[in-house]
PDB file of N, CA and C in Angstrom:
ATOM      1  N   MET A   1    -101.688 -75.362 -30.231  1.00  0.00           N
ATOM      2  CA  MET A   1    -102.844 -74.853 -29.491  1.00  0.00           C
ATOM      3  C   MET A   1    -103.770 -74.110 -30.454  1.00  0.00           C
ATOM      4  N   SER A   2    -105.061 -74.281 -30.289  1.00  0.00           N
ATOM      5  CA  SER A   2    -106.048 -73.713 -31.190  1.00  0.00           C
ATOM      6  C   SER A   2    -106.311 -72.243 -30.859  1.00  0.00           C
ATOM      7  N   ASP A   3    -106.553 -71.453 -31.910  1.00  0.00           N
ATOM      8  CA  ASP A   3    -106.909 -70.049 -31.731  1.00  0.00           C
ATOM      9  C   ASP A   3    -108.416 -69.866 -31.621  1.00  0.00           C
ATOM     10  N   ARG A   4    -109.151 -70.970 -31.668  1.00  0.00           N
ATOM     11  CA  ARG A   4    -110.605 -70.922 -31.595  1.00  0.00           C
ATOM     12  C   ARG A   4    -111.048 -70.410 -30.232  1.00  0.00           C
ATOM     13  N   LYS A   5    -111.980 -69.454 -30.244  1.00  0.00           N
ATOM     14  CA  LYS A   5    -112.515 -68.907 -28.994  1.00  0.00           C
ATOM     15  C   LYS A   5    -113.583 -69.831 -28.447  1.00  0.00           C
ATOM     16  N   SER A   6    -113.702 -69.857 -27.131  1.00  0.00           N
ATOM     17  CA  SER A   6    -114.771 -70.634 -26.501  1.00  0.00           C
ATOM     18  C   SER A   6    -116.108 -69.951 -26.764  1.00  0.00           C
ATOM     19  N   ASN A   7    -117.183 -70.696 -26.589  1.00  0.00           N
ATOM     20  CA  ASN A   7    -118.521 -70.132 -26.765  1.00  0.00           C
ATOM     21  C   ASN A   7    -118.766 -68.991 -25.785  1.00  0.00           C
ATOM     22  N   GLY A   8    -118.272 -69.141 -24.567  1.00  0.00           N
ATOM     23  CA  GLY A   8    -118.409 -68.078 -23.575  1.00  0.00           C
ATOM     24  C   GLY A   8    -117.660 -66.820 -23.989  1.00  0.00           C
ATOM     25  N   ASP A   9    -116.468 -67.010 -24.543  1.00  0.00           N
ATOM     26  CA  ASP A   9    -115.698 -65.856 -25.016  1.00  0.00           C
ATOM     27  C   ASP A   9    -116.375 -65.180 -26.200  1.00  0.00           C
ATOM     28  N   LEU A  10    -116.990 -65.968 -27.079  1.00  0.00           N
ATOM     29  CA  LEU A  10    -117.743 -65.393 -28.195  1.00  0.00           C
ATOM     30  C   LEU A  10    -118.934 -64.577 -27.690  1.00  0.00           C
ATOM     31  N   ALA A  11    -119.644 -65.109 -26.703  1.00  0.00           N
ATOM     32  CA  ALA A  11    -120.780 -64.386 -26.122  1.00  0.00           C
ATOM     33  C   ALA A  11    -120.305 -63.090 -25.465  1.00  0.00           C
ATOM     34  N   TYR A  12    -119.183 -63.160 -24.762  1.00  0.00           N
ATOM     35  CA  TYR A  12    -118.619 -61.970 -24.118  1.00  0.00           C
ATOM     36  C   TYR A  12    -118.249 -60.922 -25.170  1.00  0.00           C
ATOM     37  N   GLU A  13    -117.596 -61.364 -26.229  1.00  0.00           N
ATOM     38  CA  GLU A  13    -117.203 -60.476 -27.331  1.00  0.00           C
ATOM     39  C   GLU A  13    -118.431 -59.786 -27.928  1.00  0.00           C
ATOM     40  N   PHE A  14    -119.489 -60.538 -28.141  1.00  0.00           N
ATOM     41  CA  PHE A  14    -120.724 -60.003 -28.718  1.00  0.00           C
ATOM     42  C   PHE A  14    -121.350 -58.956 -27.809  1.00  0.00           C
ATOM     43  N   LEU A  15    -121.493 -59.270 -26.530  1.00  0.00           N
ATOM     44  CA  LEU A  15    -122.112 -58.323 -25.600  1.00  0.00           C
ATOM     45  C   LEU A  15    -121.231 -57.091 -25.401  1.00  0.00           C
ATOM     46  N   LYS A  16    -119.935 -57.286 -25.351  1.00  0.00           N
ATOM     47  CA  LYS A  16    -119.005 -56.170 -25.161  1.00  0.00           C
ATOM     48  C   LYS A  16    -119.111 -55.190 -26.332  1.00  0.00           C
ATOM     49  N   SER A  17    -119.238 -55.713 -27.542  1.00  0.00           N
ATOM     50  CA  SER A  17    -119.316 -54.846 -28.723  1.00  0.00           C
ATOM     51  C   SER A  17    -120.693 -54.220 -28.901  1.00  0.00           C
ATOM     52  N   SER A  18    -121.725 -54.792 -28.290  1.00  0.00           N
ATOM     53  CA  SER A  18    -123.085 -54.298 -28.498  1.00  0.00           C
ATOM     54  C   SER A  18    -123.428 -53.094 -27.632  1.00  0.00           C
ATOM     55  N   LYS A  19    -122.774 -52.936 -26.506  1.00  0.00           N
ATOM     56  CA  LYS A  19    -123.002 -51.810 -25.582  1.00  0.00           C
ATOM     57  C   LYS A  19    -124.372 -51.817 -24.906  1.00  0.00           C
ATOM     58  N   GLU A  20    -125.166 -52.854 -25.134  1.00  0.00           N
ATOM     59  CA  GLU A  20    -126.489 -52.940 -24.498  1.00  0.00           C
ATOM     60  C   GLU A  20    -126.860 -54.401 -24.315  1.00  0.00           C
ATOM     61  N   PRO A  21    -127.808 -54.695 -23.412  1.00  0.00           N
ATOM     62  CA  PRO A  21    -128.243 -56.086 -23.226  1.00  0.00           C
ATOM     63  C   PRO A  21    -128.798 -56.680 -24.511  1.00  0.00           C
ATOM     64  N   LYS A  22    -128.674 -57.987 -24.630  1.00  0.00           N
ATOM     65  CA  LYS A  22    -129.160 -58.713 -25.808  1.00  0.00           C
ATOM     66  C   LYS A  22    -129.973 -59.919 -25.358  1.00  0.00           C
ATOM     67  N   SER A  23    -130.867 -60.346 -26.217  1.00  0.00           N
ATOM     68  CA  SER A  23    -131.664 -61.533 -25.916  1.00  0.00           C
ATOM     69  C   SER A  23    -130.795 -62.779 -26.042  1.00  0.00           C
ATOM     70  N   PHE A  24    -131.214 -63.835 -25.378  1.00  0.00           N
ATOM     71  CA  PHE A  24    -130.483 -65.095 -25.497  1.00  0.00           C
ATOM     72  C   PHE A  24    -130.436 -65.541 -26.955  1.00  0.00           C
ATOM     73  N   ASP A  25    -131.527 -65.380 -27.683  1.00  0.00           N
ATOM     74  CA  ASP A  25    -131.558 -65.791 -29.088  1.00  0.00           C
ATOM     75  C   ASP A  25    -130.500 -65.055 -29.912  1.00  0.00           C
ATOM     76  N   ASP A  26    -130.350 -63.752 -29.674  1.00  0.00           N
ATOM     77  CA  ASP A  26    -129.331 -62.987 -30.398  1.00  0.00           C
ATOM     78  C   ASP A  26    -127.925 -63.493 -30.059  1.00  0.00           C
ATOM     79  N   ILE A  27    -127.691 -63.764 -28.786  1.00  0.00           N
ATOM     80  CA  ILE A  27    -126.376 -64.268 -28.360  1.00  0.00           C
ATOM     81  C   ILE A  27    -126.126 -65.638 -28.971  1.00  0.00           C
ATOM     82  N   TRP A  28    -127.126 -66.508 -28.913  1.00  0.00           N
ATOM     83  CA  TRP A  28    -127.001 -67.860 -29.456  1.00  0.00           C
ATOM     84  C   TRP A  28    -126.699 -67.821 -30.955  1.00  0.00           C
ATOM     85  N   ASN A  29    -127.415 -66.985 -31.677  1.00  0.00           N
ATOM     86  CA  ASN A  29    -127.182 -66.878 -33.118  1.00  0.00           C
ATOM     87  C   ASN A  29    -125.769 -66.379 -33.418  1.00  0.00           C
ATOM     88  N   TYR A  30    -125.289 -65.414 -32.656  1.00  0.00           N
ATOM     89  CA  TYR A  30    -123.926 -64.909 -32.858  1.00  0.00           C
ATOM     90  C   TYR A  30    -122.899 -66.013 -32.598  1.00  0.00           C
ATOM     91  N   VAL A  31    -123.081 -66.727 -31.508  1.00  0.00           N
ATOM     92  CA  VAL A  31    -122.153 -67.809 -31.156  1.00  0.00           C
ATOM     93  C   VAL A  31    -122.173 -68.892 -32.231  1.00  0.00           C
ATOM     94  N   CYS A  32    -123.344 -69.250 -32.698  1.00  0.00           N
ATOM     95  CA  CYS A  32    -123.444 -70.266 -33.756  1.00  0.00           C
ATOM     96  C   CYS A  32    -122.775 -69.790 -35.044  1.00  0.00           C
ATOM     97  N   ASP A  33    -123.021 -68.541 -35.417  1.00  0.00           N
ATOM     98  CA  ASP A  33    -122.450 -67.993 -36.651  1.00  0.00           C
ATOM     99  C   ASP A  33    -120.928 -67.905 -36.588  1.00  0.00           C
ATOM    100  N   ASN A  34    -120.391 -67.572 -35.422  1.00  0.00           N
ATOM    101  CA  ASN A  34    -118.956 -67.330 -35.296  1.00  0.00           C
ATOM    102  C   ASN A  34    -118.197 -68.490 -34.656  1.00  0.00           C
ATOM    103  N   GLY A  35    -118.915 -69.489 -34.195  1.00  0.00           N
ATOM    104  CA  GLY A  35    -118.276 -70.621 -33.546  1.00  0.00           C
ATOM    105  C   GLY A  35    -118.197 -71.863 -34.408  1.00  0.00           C
ATOM    106  N   GLY A  36    -118.611 -71.740 -35.662  1.00  0.00           N
ATOM    107  CA  GLY A  36    -118.519 -72.870 -36.574  1.00  0.00           C
ATOM    108  C   GLY A  36    -119.539 -73.965 -36.323  1.00  0.00           C
ATOM    109  N   PHE A  37    -120.698 -73.614 -35.788  1.00  0.00           N
ATOM    110  CA  PHE A  37    -121.747 -74.602 -35.534  1.00  0.00           C
ATOM    111  C   PHE A  37    -122.388 -75.031 -36.842  1.00  0.00           C
ATOM    112  N   SER A  38    -122.682 -76.301 -36.950  1.00  0.00           N
ATOM    113  CA  SER A  38    -123.441 -76.797 -38.094  1.00  0.00           C
ATOM    114  C   SER A  38    -124.915 -76.438 -37.887  1.00  0.00           C
ATOM    115  N   GLU A  39    -125.689 -76.546 -38.945  1.00  0.00           N
ATOM    116  CA  GLU A  39    -127.127 -76.270 -38.842  1.00  0.00           C
ATOM    117  C   GLU A  39    -127.783 -77.234 -37.854  1.00  0.00           C
ATOM    118  N   GLU A  40    -127.319 -78.465 -37.830  1.00  0.00           N
ATOM    119  CA  GLU A  40    -127.848 -79.461 -36.896  1.00  0.00           C
ATOM    120  C   GLU A  40    -127.541 -79.072 -35.447  1.00  0.00           C
ATOM    121  N   GLU A  41    -126.313 -78.623 -35.178  1.00  0.00           N
ATOM    122  CA  GLU A  41    -125.939 -78.200 -33.819  1.00  0.00           C
ATOM    123  C   GLU A  41    -126.722 -76.965 -33.393  1.00  0.00           C
ATOM    124  N   ARG A  42    -126.932 -76.054 -34.324  1.00  0.00           N
ATOM    125  CA  ARG A  42    -127.666 -74.818 -34.031  1.00  0.00           C
ATOM    126  C   ARG A  42    -129.083 -75.113 -33.542  1.00  0.00           C
ATOM    127  N   LYS A  43    -129.695 -76.153 -34.090  1.00  0.00           N
ATOM    128  CA  LYS A  43    -131.079 -76.495 -33.749  1.00  0.00           C
ATOM    129  C   LYS A  43    -131.190 -77.542 -32.648  1.00  0.00           C
ATOM    130  N   ASN A  44    -130.063 -78.073 -32.193  1.00  0.00           N
ATOM    131  CA  ASN A  44    -130.042 -79.123 -31.177  1.00  0.00           C
ATOM    132  C   ASN A  44    -130.307 -78.514 -29.798  1.00  0.00           C
ATOM    133  N   SER A  45    -131.408 -78.909 -29.183  1.00  0.00           N
ATOM    134  CA  SER A  45    -131.771 -78.323 -27.884  1.00  0.00           C
ATOM    135  C   SER A  45    -130.770 -78.677 -26.781  1.00  0.00           C
ATOM    136  N   ASP A  46    -130.107 -79.828 -26.874  1.00  0.00           N
ATOM    137  CA  ASP A  46    -129.102 -80.182 -25.867  1.00  0.00           C
ATOM    138  C   ASP A  46    -127.900 -79.244 -25.940  1.00  0.00           C
ATOM    139  N   VAL A  47    -127.459 -78.947 -27.146  1.00  0.00           N
ATOM    140  CA  VAL A  47    -126.323 -78.036 -27.333  1.00  0.00           C
ATOM    141  C   VAL A  47    -126.706 -76.643 -26.837  1.00  0.00           C
ATOM    142  N   MET A  48    -127.913 -76.211 -27.177  1.00  0.00           N
ATOM    143  CA  MET A  48    -128.377 -74.890 -26.748  1.00  0.00           C
ATOM    144  C   MET A  48    -128.519 -74.811 -25.232  1.00  0.00           C
ATOM    145  N   SER A  49    -129.061 -75.841 -24.618  1.00  0.00           N
ATOM    146  CA  SER A  49    -129.251 -75.803 -23.165  1.00  0.00           C
ATOM    147  C   SER A  49    -127.913 -75.836 -22.430  1.00  0.00           C
ATOM    148  N   LYS A  50    -126.927 -76.530 -22.962  1.00  0.00           N
ATOM    149  CA  LYS A  50    -125.596 -76.522 -22.344  1.00  0.00           C
ATOM    150  C   LYS A  50    -124.990 -75.124 -22.412  1.00  0.00           C
ATOM    151  N   PHE A  51    -125.168 -74.456 -23.538  1.00  0.00           N
ATOM    152  CA  PHE A  51    -124.672 -73.089 -23.668  1.00  0.00           C
ATOM    153  C   PHE A  51    -125.391 -72.163 -22.687  1.00  0.00           C
ATOM    154  N   TYR A  52    -126.713 -72.306 -22.573  1.00  0.00           N
ATOM    155  CA  TYR A  52    -127.495 -71.489 -21.635  1.00  0.00           C
ATOM    156  C   TYR A  52    -126.987 -71.687 -20.208  1.00  0.00           C
ATOM    157  N   THR A  53    -126.751 -72.936 -19.844  1.00  0.00           N
ATOM    158  CA  THR A  53    -126.229 -73.239 -18.508  1.00  0.00           C
ATOM    159  C   THR A  53    -124.864 -72.613 -18.315  1.00  0.00           C
ATOM    160  N   HIS A  54    -124.048 -72.662 -19.349  1.00  0.00           N
ATOM    161  CA  HIS A  54    -122.721 -72.038 -19.269  1.00  0.00           C
ATOM    162  C   HIS A  54    -122.850 -70.546 -18.979  1.00  0.00           C
ATOM    163  N   LEU A  55    -123.785 -69.875 -19.667  1.00  0.00           N
ATOM    164  CA  LEU A  55    -123.979 -68.445 -19.408  1.00  0.00           C
ATOM    165  C   LEU A  55    -124.393 -68.195 -17.958  1.00  0.00           C
ATOM    166  N   LEU A  56    -125.280 -69.035 -17.451  1.00  0.00           N
ATOM    167  CA  LEU A  56    -125.736 -68.876 -16.065  1.00  0.00           C
ATOM    168  C   LEU A  56    -124.591 -69.006 -15.070  1.00  0.00           C
ATOM    169  N   LEU A  57    -123.671 -69.919 -15.357  1.00  0.00           N
ATOM    170  CA  LEU A  57    -122.595 -70.213 -14.417  1.00  0.00           C
ATOM    171  C   LEU A  57    -121.373 -69.317 -14.593  1.00  0.00           C
ATOM    172  N   ASP A  58    -121.251 -68.696 -15.749  1.00  0.00           N
ATOM    173  CA  ASP A  58    -120.102 -67.833 -16.029  1.00  0.00           C
ATOM    174  C   ASP A  58    -120.324 -66.487 -15.349  1.00  0.00           C
ATOM    175  N   GLY A  59    -119.446 -66.112 -14.456  1.00  0.00           N
ATOM    176  CA  GLY A  59    -119.598 -64.898 -13.669  1.00  0.00           C
ATOM    177  C   GLY A  59    -119.540 -63.605 -14.463  1.00  0.00           C
ATOM    178  N   ARG A  60    -119.169 -63.666 -15.713  1.00  0.00           N
ATOM    179  CA  ARG A  60    -119.105 -62.444 -16.531  1.00  0.00           C
ATOM    180  C   ARG A  60    -120.479 -61.988 -16.994  1.00  0.00           C
ATOM    181  N   PHE A  61    -121.473 -62.878 -16.946  1.00  0.00           N
ATOM    182  CA  PHE A  61    -122.793 -62.589 -17.502  1.00  0.00           C
ATOM    183  C   PHE A  61    -123.842 -62.518 -16.410  1.00  0.00           C
ATOM    184  N   VAL A  62    -124.889 -61.776 -16.703  1.00  0.00           N
ATOM    185  CA  VAL A  62    -126.031 -61.700 -15.795  1.00  0.00           C
ATOM    186  C   VAL A  62    -127.300 -61.719 -16.638  1.00  0.00           C
ATOM    187  N   THR A  63    -128.280 -62.487 -16.171  1.00  0.00           N
ATOM    188  CA  THR A  63    -129.564 -62.525 -16.851  1.00  0.00           C
ATOM    189  C   THR A  63    -130.460 -61.436 -16.262  1.00  0.00           C
ATOM    190  N   LEU A  64    -131.138 -60.751 -17.145  1.00  0.00           N
ATOM    191  CA  LEU A  64    -132.054 -59.684 -16.754  1.00  0.00           C
ATOM    192  C   LEU A  64    -133.474 -60.163 -17.031  1.00  0.00           C
ATOM    193  N   CYS A  65    -134.435 -59.308 -16.916  1.00  0.00           N
ATOM    194  CA  CYS A  65    -135.821 -59.706 -17.157  1.00  0.00           C
ATOM    195  C   CYS A  65    -136.041 -60.094 -18.621  1.00  0.00           C
ATOM    196  N   GLU A  66    -137.026 -60.942 -18.848  1.00  0.00           N
ATOM    197  CA  GLU A  66    -137.469 -61.365 -20.173  1.00  0.00           C
ATOM    198  C   GLU A  66    -136.348 -61.948 -21.036  1.00  0.00           C
ATOM    199  N   ASN A  67    -135.506 -62.773 -20.416  1.00  0.00           N
ATOM    200  CA  ASN A  67    -134.440 -63.499 -21.104  1.00  0.00           C
ATOM    201  C   ASN A  67    -133.432 -62.597 -21.802  1.00  0.00           C
ATOM    202  N   MET A  68    -133.223 -61.417 -21.252  1.00  0.00           N
ATOM    203  CA  MET A  68    -132.191 -60.509 -21.742  1.00  0.00           C
ATOM    204  C   MET A  68    -130.931 -60.739 -20.908  1.00  0.00           C
ATOM    205  N   TRP A  69    -129.788 -60.605 -21.545  1.00  0.00           N
ATOM    206  CA  TRP A  69    -128.503 -60.849 -20.904  1.00  0.00           C
ATOM    207  C   TRP A  69    -127.594 -59.651 -21.095  1.00  0.00           C
ATOM    208  N   ASP A  70    -126.702 -59.457 -20.113  1.00  0.00           N
ATOM    209  CA  ASP A  70    -125.720 -58.387 -20.211  1.00  0.00           C
ATOM    210  C   ASP A  70    -124.459 -58.826 -19.484  1.00  0.00           C
ATOM    211  N   LEU A  71    -123.446 -57.979 -19.586  1.00  0.00           N
ATOM    212  CA  LEU A  71    -122.221 -58.223 -18.842  1.00  0.00           C
ATOM    213  C   LEU A  71    -122.433 -57.750 -17.412  1.00  0.00           C
ATOM    214  N   ARG A  72    -122.003 -58.549 -16.476  1.00  0.00           N
ATOM    215  CA  ARG A  72    -122.192 -58.234 -15.063  1.00  0.00           C
ATOM    216  C   ARG A  72    -121.573 -56.893 -14.688  1.00  0.00           C
ATOM    217  N   ASP A  73    -120.427 -56.587 -15.244  1.00  0.00           N
ATOM    218  CA  ASP A  73    -119.750 -55.352 -14.856  1.00  0.00           C
ATOM    219  C   ASP A  73    -120.423 -54.088 -15.386  1.00  0.00           C
ATOM    220  N   ARG A  74    -121.410 -54.209 -16.246  1.00  0.00           N
ATOM    221  CA  ARG A  74    -122.153 -53.040 -16.733  1.00  0.00           C
ATOM    222  C   ARG A  74    -123.433 -52.799 -15.959  1.00  0.00           C
ATOM    223  N   GLN A  75    -123.813 -53.711 -15.118  1.00  0.00           N
ATOM    224  CA  GLN A  75    -125.074 -53.601 -14.380  1.00  0.00           C
ATOM    225  C   GLN A  75    -124.813 -53.162 -12.949  1.00  0.00           C
ATOM    226  N   PRO A  76    -125.585 -52.200 -12.447  1.00  0.00           N
ATOM    227  CA  PRO A  76    -125.405 -51.776 -11.055  1.00  0.00           C
ATOM    228  C   PRO A  76    -125.745 -52.918 -10.094  1.00  0.00           C
ATOM    229  N   TYR A  77    -125.027 -52.961  -9.012  1.00  0.00           N
ATOM    230  CA  TYR A  77    -125.190 -54.018  -8.015  1.00  0.00           C
ATOM    231  C   TYR A  77    -126.646 -54.147  -7.572  1.00  0.00           C
ATOM    232  N   ASP A  78    -127.300 -53.025  -7.330  1.00  0.00           N
ATOM    233  CA  ASP A  78    -128.686 -53.050  -6.841  1.00  0.00           C
ATOM    234  C   ASP A  78    -129.644 -53.698  -7.829  1.00  0.00           C
ATOM    235  N   LYS A  79    -129.329 -53.628  -9.116  1.00  0.00           N
ATOM    236  CA  LYS A  79    -130.228 -54.189 -10.129  1.00  0.00           C
ATOM    237  C   LYS A  79    -130.102 -55.706 -10.229  1.00  0.00           C
ATOM    238  N   ILE A  80    -128.919 -56.249  -9.953  1.00  0.00           N
ATOM    239  CA  ILE A  80    -128.709 -57.685 -10.142  1.00  0.00           C
ATOM    240  C   ILE A  80    -128.616 -58.468  -8.847  1.00  0.00           C
ATOM    241  N   HIS A  81    -128.517 -57.788  -7.725  1.00  0.00           N
ATOM    242  CA  HIS A  81    -128.409 -58.476  -6.437  1.00  0.00           C
ATOM    243  C   HIS A  81    -129.779 -58.910  -5.953  1.00  0.00           C
ATOM    244  N   ILE A  82    -129.865 -60.157  -5.522  1.00  0.00           N
ATOM    245  CA  ILE A  82    -131.101 -60.685  -4.954  1.00  0.00           C
ATOM    246  C   ILE A  82    -130.902 -60.786  -3.446  1.00  0.00           C
ATOM    247  N   ASP A  83    -131.749 -60.106  -2.703  1.00  0.00           N
ATOM    248  CA  ASP A  83    -131.675 -60.164  -1.246  1.00  0.00           C
ATOM    249  C   ASP A  83    -132.355 -61.448  -0.779  1.00  0.00           C
ATOM    250  N   LEU A  84    -131.555 -62.422  -0.391  1.00  0.00           N
ATOM    251  CA  LEU A  84    -132.102 -63.714   0.011  1.00  0.00           C
ATOM    252  C   LEU A  84    -132.878 -63.639   1.322  1.00  0.00           C
ATOM    253  N   ASN A  85    -132.655 -62.619   2.119  1.00  0.00           N
ATOM    254  CA  ASN A  85    -133.436 -62.457   3.345  1.00  0.00           C
ATOM    255  C   ASN A  85    -134.915 -62.300   3.016  1.00  0.00           C
ATOM    256  N   ALA A  86    -135.218 -61.584   1.937  1.00  0.00           N
ATOM    257  CA  ALA A  86    -136.613 -61.411   1.533  1.00  0.00           C
ATOM    258  C   ALA A  86    -137.204 -62.739   1.067  1.00  0.00           C
ATOM    259  N   VAL A  87    -136.417 -63.543   0.379  1.00  0.00           N
ATOM    260  CA  VAL A  87    -136.885 -64.849  -0.087  1.00  0.00           C
ATOM    261  C   VAL A  87    -137.190 -65.745   1.104  1.00  0.00           C
ATOM    262  N   TYR A  88    -136.265 -65.802   2.060  1.00  0.00           N
ATOM    263  CA  TYR A  88    -136.478 -66.640   3.233  1.00  0.00           C
ATOM    264  C   TYR A  88    -137.647 -66.151   4.075  1.00  0.00           C
ATOM    265  N   ALA A  89    -137.869 -64.850   4.142  1.00  0.00           N
ATOM    266  CA  ALA A  89    -138.996 -64.311   4.901  1.00  0.00           C
ATOM    267  C   ALA A  89    -140.314 -64.763   4.273  1.00  0.00           C
ATOM    268  N   ASP A  90    -140.382 -64.772   2.939  1.00  0.00           N
ATOM    269  CA  ASP A  90    -141.593 -65.236   2.256  1.00  0.00           C
ATOM    270  C   ASP A  90    -141.859 -66.700   2.553  1.00  0.00           C
ATOM    271  N   VAL A  91    -140.831 -67.512   2.579  1.00  0.00           N
ATOM    272  CA  VAL A  91    -140.973 -68.942   2.852  1.00  0.00           C
ATOM    273  C   VAL A  91    -141.471 -69.146   4.277  1.00  0.00           C
ATOM    274  N   GLU A  92    -140.903 -68.426   5.228  1.00  0.00           N
ATOM    275  CA  GLU A  92    -141.307 -68.566   6.626  1.00  0.00           C
ATOM    276  C   GLU A  92    -142.753 -68.128   6.832  1.00  0.00           C
ATOM    277  N   GLU A  93    -143.174 -67.069   6.162  1.00  0.00           N
ATOM    278  CA  GLU A  93    -144.556 -66.610   6.287  1.00  0.00           C
ATOM    279  C   GLU A  93    -145.524 -67.632   5.735  1.00  0.00           C
ATOM    280  N   GLY A  94    -145.144 -68.316   4.660  1.00  0.00           N
ATOM    281  CA  GLY A  94    -146.009 -69.307   4.030  1.00  0.00           C
ATOM    282  C   GLY A  94    -146.114 -70.591   4.809  1.00  0.00           C
ATOM    283  N   SER A  95    -145.241 -70.820   5.788  1.00  0.00           N
ATOM    284  CA  SER A  95    -145.261 -72.076   6.539  1.00  0.00           C
ATOM    285  C   SER A  95    -146.140 -72.008   7.773  1.00  0.00           C
ATOM    286  N   ASP A  96    -146.924 -70.950   7.937  1.00  0.00           N
ATOM    287  CA  ASP A  96    -147.795 -70.809   9.101  1.00  0.00           C
ATOM    288  C   ASP A  96    -149.165 -71.433   8.896  1.00  0.00           C
ATOM    289  N   GLU A  97    -149.301 -72.310   7.902  1.00  0.00           N
ATOM    290  CA  GLU A  97    -150.578 -72.963   7.648  1.00  0.00           C
ATOM    291  C   GLU A  97    -151.000 -73.755   8.883  1.00  0.00           C
ATOM    292  N   SER A  98    -152.296 -73.793   9.145  1.00  0.00           N
ATOM    293  CA  SER A  98    -152.770 -74.588  10.279  1.00  0.00           C
ATOM    294  C   SER A  98    -152.765 -76.059   9.898  1.00  0.00           C
ATOM    295  N   ASP A  99    -152.565 -76.924  10.859  1.00  0.00           N
ATOM    296  CA  ASP A  99    -152.521 -78.364  10.641  1.00  0.00           C
ATOM    297  C   ASP A  99    -153.797 -78.995  11.167  1.00  0.00           C
ATOM    298  N   ASP A 100    -154.257 -80.064  10.487  1.00  0.00           N
ATOM    299  CA  ASP A 100    -155.388 -80.796  11.025  1.00  0.00           C
ATOM    300  C   ASP A 100    -154.870 -81.839  12.010  1.00  0.00           C
ATOM    301  N   GLU A 101    -155.725 -82.692  12.512  1.00  0.00           N
ATOM    302  CA  GLU A 101    -155.340 -83.637  13.557  1.00  0.00           C
ATOM    303  C   GLU A 101    -154.284 -84.626  13.097  1.00  0.00           C
ATOM    304  N   ASP A 102    -154.228 -84.952  11.804  1.00  0.00           N
ATOM    305  CA  ASP A 102    -153.250 -85.902  11.288  1.00  0.00           C
ATOM    306  C   ASP A 102    -151.918 -85.247  10.969  1.00  0.00           C
ATOM    307  N   GLY A 103    -151.795 -83.946  11.173  1.00  0.00           N
ATOM    308  CA  GLY A 103    -150.571 -83.249  10.858  1.00  0.00           C
ATOM    309  C   GLY A 103    -150.525 -82.745   9.429  1.00  0.00           C
ATOM    310  N   ASP A 104    -151.619 -82.963   8.671  1.00  0.00           N
ATOM    311  CA  ASP A 104    -151.677 -82.470   7.300  1.00  0.00           C
ATOM    312  C   ASP A 104    -152.068 -81.004   7.322  1.00  0.00           C
ATOM    313  N   GLU A 105    -151.536 -80.261   6.346  1.00  0.00           N
ATOM    314  CA  GLU A 105    -151.886 -78.856   6.263  1.00  0.00           C
ATOM    315  C   GLU A 105    -153.336 -78.725   5.831  1.00  0.00           C
ATOM    316  N   VAL A 106    -154.013 -77.728   6.384  1.00  0.00           N
ATOM    317  CA  VAL A 106    -155.396 -77.462   6.049  1.00  0.00           C
ATOM    318  C   VAL A 106    -155.444 -76.071   5.447  1.00  0.00           C
ATOM    319  N   SER A 107    -155.941 -75.972   4.228  1.00  0.00           N
ATOM    320  CA  SER A 107    -156.033 -74.668   3.586  1.00  0.00           C
ATOM    321  C   SER A 107    -157.273 -73.944   4.093  1.00  0.00           C
ATOM    322  N   SER A 108    -157.347 -72.657   3.801  1.00  0.00           N
ATOM    323  CA  SER A 108    -158.514 -71.895   4.234  1.00  0.00           C
ATOM    324  C   SER A 108    -159.776 -72.393   3.546  1.00  0.00           C
ATOM    325  N   GLU A 109    -159.650 -72.910   2.306  1.00  0.00           N
ATOM    326  CA  GLU A 109    -160.811 -73.489   1.633  1.00  0.00           C
ATOM    327  C   GLU A 109    -161.319 -74.708   2.382  1.00  0.00           C
ATOM    328  N   ASP A 110    -160.382 -75.586   2.807  1.00  0.00           N
ATOM    329  CA  ASP A 110    -160.760 -76.769   3.564  1.00  0.00           C
ATOM    330  C   ASP A 110    -161.444 -76.377   4.870  1.00  0.00           C
ATOM    331  N   GLU A 111    -160.938 -75.336   5.529  1.00  0.00           N
ATOM    332  CA  GLU A 111    -161.522 -74.902   6.786  1.00  0.00           C
ATOM    333  C   GLU A 111    -162.957 -74.411   6.555  1.00  0.00           C
ATOM    334  N   ASN A 112    -163.191 -73.692   5.436  1.00  0.00           N
ATOM    335  CA  ASN A 112    -164.531 -73.201   5.144  1.00  0.00           C
ATOM    336  C   ASN A 112    -165.473 -74.363   4.880  1.00  0.00           C
ATOM    337  N   ILE A 113    -165.039 -75.376   4.178  1.00  0.00           N
ATOM    338  CA  ILE A 113    -165.879 -76.543   3.883  1.00  0.00           C
ATOM    339  C   ILE A 113    -166.214 -77.291   5.172  1.00  0.00           C
ATOM    340  N   GLU A 114    -165.199 -77.461   6.034  1.00  0.00           N
ATOM    341  CA  GLU A 114    -165.420 -78.202   7.277  1.00  0.00           C
ATOM    342  C   GLU A 114    -166.366 -77.474   8.205  1.00  0.00           C
ATOM    343  N   SER A 115    -166.409 -76.132   8.118  1.00  0.00           N
ATOM    344  CA  SER A 115    -167.231 -75.399   9.064  1.00  0.00           C
ATOM    345  C   SER A 115    -168.667 -75.237   8.556  1.00  0.00           C
ATOM    346  N   GLU A 116    -168.936 -75.590   7.299  1.00  0.00           N
ATOM    347  CA  GLU A 116    -170.297 -75.461   6.774  1.00  0.00           C
ATOM    348  C   GLU A 116    -171.191 -76.520   7.417  1.00  0.00           C
ATOM    349  N   GLU A 117    -172.426 -76.139   7.705  1.00  0.00           N
ATOM    350  CA  GLU A 117    -173.381 -77.099   8.246  1.00  0.00           C
ATOM    351  C   GLU A 117    -174.230 -77.629   7.114  1.00  0.00           C
ATOM    352  N   TYR A 118    -174.505 -78.912   7.119  1.00  0.00           N
ATOM    353  CA  TYR A 118    -175.291 -79.548   6.060  1.00  0.00           C
ATOM    354  C   TYR A 118    -176.677 -79.863   6.547  1.00  0.00           C
TER     355      TYR A 118
END
């Protein structure tokens, strides 16, 4: 069995030792430096995007504003929790557009144009 750490474990190790949030670029560079990545792999956007996706899906990490990342257990619940009720309320409010006779949505600009006399 290999003693090699996974990329996620390397990222966790880096953030744990840093004591503060880090940018994705800093995390990526650490993982590349300590994970045995070749220069070609380091610059490969597919490899980088897979790692980014891994961070998103790994419950140990949380993304903060401006592409900064931290360990989930260091962030207060209120800072990282998204209230989906507010998201759904915004969607419902936006669906009150008026419809024209064909069932197509009519924007307020369209209504102003239609009401102008020529």
